[in-house]
Protein backbone atom coordinates (compact mmCIF):
# COMPACT_ATOMS: atom_id res chain seq x y z
CA UNK A 1 -6.19 -7.75 7.22
CA UNK A 2 -9.82 -8.21 6.64
CA UNK A 3 -11.53 -9.89 3.78
CA UNK A 4 -14.35 -7.78 2.45
CA UNK A 5 -17.23 -9.13 0.27
CA UNK A 6 -18.69 -5.76 -0.79
CA UNK A 7 -17.74 -2.09 -1.28
CA UNK A 8 -20.12 -1.08 1.53
CA UNK A 9 -17.78 -2.95 4.03
CA UNK A 10 -15.06 -0.24 3.68
CA UNK A 11 -17.05 2.28 5.56
CA UNK A 12 -17.25 -0.04 8.54
CA UNK A 13 -13.70 0.79 9.30
CA UNK A 14 -14.05 4.65 9.31
CA UNK A 15 -14.42 4.80 13.18
CA UNK A 16 -11.26 4.37 15.29
CA UNK A 17 -7.80 5.70 15.01
CA UNK A 18 -6.48 3.19 12.38
CA UNK A 19 -5.02 3.49 8.98
CA UNK A 20 -7.44 1.92 6.46
CA UNK A 21 -6.01 0.63 3.14
CA UNK A 22 -7.84 -1.15 0.36
CA UNK A 23 -5.88 -3.68 -1.72
CA UNK A 24 -6.77 -3.50 -5.38
CA UNK A 25 -5.42 -5.89 -7.95
CA UNK A 26 -6.50 -7.61 -11.17
CA UNK A 27 -6.80 -11.30 -11.61
CA UNK A 28 -3.51 -11.15 -13.49
CA UNK A 29 -1.48 -10.03 -10.38
CA UNK A 30 -0.96 -13.64 -9.08
CA UNK A 31 2.37 -13.02 -7.41
CA UNK A 32 1.35 -9.97 -5.40
CA UNK A 33 -2.07 -11.52 -4.59
CA UNK A 34 -0.36 -14.73 -3.37
CA UNK A 35 2.25 -12.77 -1.44
CA UNK A 36 -0.53 -10.74 0.44
CA UNK A 37 -2.45 -13.88 1.34
CA UNK A 38 0.70 -15.69 2.56
CA UNK A 39 1.61 -12.65 4.70
CA UNK A 40 -1.97 -12.19 6.15
CA UNK A 41 -1.06 -13.56 9.75
CA UNK A 42 2.23 -11.81 9.89
CA UNK A 43 0.55 -8.48 8.86
CA UNK A 44 -2.09 -8.85 11.60
CA UNK A 45 0.60 -9.73 14.21
CA UNK A 46 2.72 -6.64 13.14
CA UNK A 47 -0.19 -4.15 12.86
CA UNK A 48 -2.94 -5.45 15.11
CA UNK A 49 -5.56 -2.58 14.96
CA UNK A 50 -3.21 0.19 13.69
CA UNK A 51 -3.81 -0.73 10.03
CA UNK A 52 -6.82 -2.39 8.52
CA UNK A 53 -5.88 -3.72 5.05
CA UNK A 54 -9.03 -4.63 3.27
CA UNK A 55 -8.85 -7.39 0.75
CA UNK A 56 -11.60 -8.17 -1.72
CA UNK A 57 -12.69 -11.67 -1.08
CA UNK A 58 -15.46 -14.05 -1.93
CA UNK A 59 -16.01 -14.89 1.70
CA UNK A 60 -15.39 -12.77 4.74
CA UNK A 61 -12.03 -13.38 6.41
CA UNK A 62 -11.70 -11.69 9.74
CA UNK A 63 -9.26 -13.64 11.85
CA UNK A 64 -6.99 -16.68 12.11
CA UNK A 65 -9.85 -19.05 12.51
CA UNK A 66 -10.70 -18.52 8.87
CA UNK A 67 -8.95 -20.37 6.20
CA UNK A 68 -6.79 -17.83 4.40
CA UNK A 69 -6.58 -18.75 0.69
CA UNK A 70 -5.61 -16.64 -2.38
CA UNK A 71 -8.22 -18.54 -4.29
CA UNK A 72 -10.86 -16.44 -2.30
CA UNK A 73 -9.54 -13.19 -3.94
CA UNK A 74 -12.64 -11.43 -5.50
CA UNK A 75 -11.73 -10.24 -9.01
CA UNK A 76 -15.17 -8.77 -9.61
CA UNK A 77 -15.06 -6.73 -6.38
CA UNK A 78 -11.57 -5.64 -6.90
CA UNK A 79 -12.54 -4.39 -10.48
CA UNK A 80 -15.53 -2.49 -8.79
CA UNK A 81 -13.11 -0.99 -6.38
CA UNK A 82 -10.70 0.01 -9.02
CA UNK A 83 -13.37 1.80 -10.93
CA UNK A 84 -14.63 3.48 -7.71
CA UNK A 85 -11.25 4.88 -6.98
CA UNK A 86 -10.61 5.85 -10.50
CA UNK A 87 -7.50 3.63 -11.01
CA UNK A 88 -6.27 2.39 -14.36
CA UNK A 89 -5.78 -1.31 -14.61
CA UNK A 90 -2.04 -0.78 -15.60
CA UNK A 91 -1.51 0.83 -12.17
CA UNK A 92 -2.42 -2.20 -10.33
CA UNK A 93 -1.74 -4.01 -7.94
CA UNK A 94 -1.69 -1.41 -5.24
CA UNK A 95 -3.20 -0.08 -2.02
CA UNK A 96 -5.54 2.83 -1.72
CA UNK A 97 -5.32 4.64 1.67
CA UNK A 98 -8.87 5.51 2.52
CA UNK A 99 -9.02 8.68 4.58
CA UNK A 100 -12.86 9.02 4.50
CA UNK A 101 -12.61 12.58 3.46
CA UNK A 102 -14.20 13.40 0.09
CA UNK A 103 -12.42 16.85 -0.05
CA UNK A 104 -8.99 15.15 -0.16
CA UNK A 105 -7.69 12.70 -2.70
CA UNK A 106 -7.25 9.14 -1.64
CA UNK A 107 -3.46 8.41 -1.91
CA UNK A 108 -2.44 5.19 -3.78
CA UNK A 109 0.87 3.11 -3.56
CA UNK A 110 1.42 1.01 -6.60
CA UNK A 111 2.90 -2.39 -5.77
CA UNK A 112 3.45 -3.25 -9.45
CA UNK A 113 6.73 -4.89 -10.33
CA UNK A 114 7.81 -5.38 -6.67
CA UNK A 115 9.30 -8.63 -5.65
CA UNK A 116 8.71 -10.34 -2.34
CA UNK A 117 11.67 -8.63 -0.72
CA UNK A 118 10.45 -5.18 -1.82
CA UNK A 119 7.02 -5.87 -0.56
CA UNK A 120 8.25 -7.02 2.75
CA UNK A 121 10.49 -3.96 2.94
CA UNK A 122 7.53 -1.64 2.20
CA UNK A 123 5.21 -3.29 4.85
CA UNK A 124 8.18 -3.24 7.51
CA UNK A 125 8.70 0.50 6.77
CA UNK A 126 4.97 1.04 7.31
CA UNK A 127 5.07 -0.86 10.60
CA UNK A 128 7.99 1.18 11.85
CA UNK A 129 6.11 4.53 10.92
CA UNK A 130 2.94 3.39 12.71
CA UNK A 131 4.76 2.18 15.70
CA UNK A 132 5.76 5.75 16.73
CA UNK A 133 3.33 7.24 19.41
CA UNK A 134 1.69 10.27 18.16
CA UNK A 135 -0.46 11.82 20.95
CA UNK A 136 -0.63 15.21 19.08
CA UNK A 137 -2.53 13.43 16.34
CA UNK A 138 -5.61 12.45 18.52
CA UNK A 139 -8.09 13.23 15.90
CA UNK A 140 -8.44 10.16 13.63
CA UNK A 141 -8.79 12.04 10.40
CA UNK A 142 -5.65 14.10 11.21
CA UNK A 143 -3.81 10.97 12.24
CA UNK A 144 -4.83 9.21 8.98
CA UNK A 145 -3.80 12.22 6.87
CA UNK A 146 -0.30 12.61 8.44
CA UNK A 147 0.64 8.91 8.63
CA UNK A 148 -0.61 8.16 5.22
CA UNK A 149 1.23 11.16 3.75
CA UNK A 150 4.37 10.13 5.45
CA UNK A 151 4.04 6.55 4.15
CA UNK A 152 3.35 7.73 0.52
CA UNK A 153 6.17 10.28 0.52
CA UNK A 154 8.73 7.76 2.05
CA UNK A 155 7.72 5.13 -0.47
CA UNK A 156 7.96 7.57 -3.42
CA UNK A 157 11.38 8.58 -2.29
CA UNK A 158 12.57 4.98 -2.13
CA UNK A 159 11.13 4.27 -5.54
CA UNK A 160 12.97 7.31 -6.95
CA UNK A 161 16.37 6.58 -5.26
CA UNK A 162 17.61 4.03 -7.86
CA UNK A 163 16.66 6.47 -10.62
CA UNK A 164 18.55 9.25 -8.90
CA UNK A 165 21.64 7.05 -8.20
CA UNK A 166 21.64 6.17 -11.93
CA UNK A 167 21.24 9.83 -12.91
CA UNK A 168 24.09 10.99 -10.59
CA UNK A 169 26.33 8.16 -11.87
CA UNK A 170 25.88 9.00 -15.52
CA UNK A 171 26.31 12.75 -14.67
CA UNK A 172 29.58 12.05 -13.01
CA UNK A 173 30.74 10.14 -16.10
CA UNK A 174 29.71 13.00 -18.38
CA UNK A 175 31.60 15.40 -16.08
CA UNK A 176 34.77 13.26 -16.44
CA UNK A 177 34.43 13.16 -20.22
CA UNK A 178 33.89 16.94 -20.39
CA UNK A 179 36.81 17.77 -18.11
CA UNK A 180 39.05 15.59 -20.37
CA UNK A 181 38.02 17.61 -23.33
CA UNK A 182 38.55 20.96 -21.59
CA UNK A 183 42.11 20.20 -20.53
């Protein structure tokens, strides 16, 4: 993770074969902001240079020598980034995956209403996905596009699974009721 103090700092991470995500939240998203800051060192240990998660901060935070503190979260910069990416405040908090390609949409993962275990599970799933060696994706833009697409699709599927399970369960109940009426 990197603390960024201005929107121009995002483009600094375009070079290289890394995933770049921008954490966007409002000042009301205390739980998620606190979780992100508390997980900073573990994130850097797990992802190293494979994923640069950029956090709006009031001071640059670039490594373990800097004090990592949720009080440095920059609400004004986060609001500017939210507007830049065209996000609605009710969608926050979340991560915009920056692909540095104006011809493709930036993909967004909402983190709203996720508890600490769900956040941990999301980041662990990302780590497993990025740990796979992909020599066929040597081009950094293609690599980003493929990996980001896989992460977003996997997350969307996980978010839909409880709904599908409830739907299947209720459909089964309706089928039992209907079979009783037909007998």
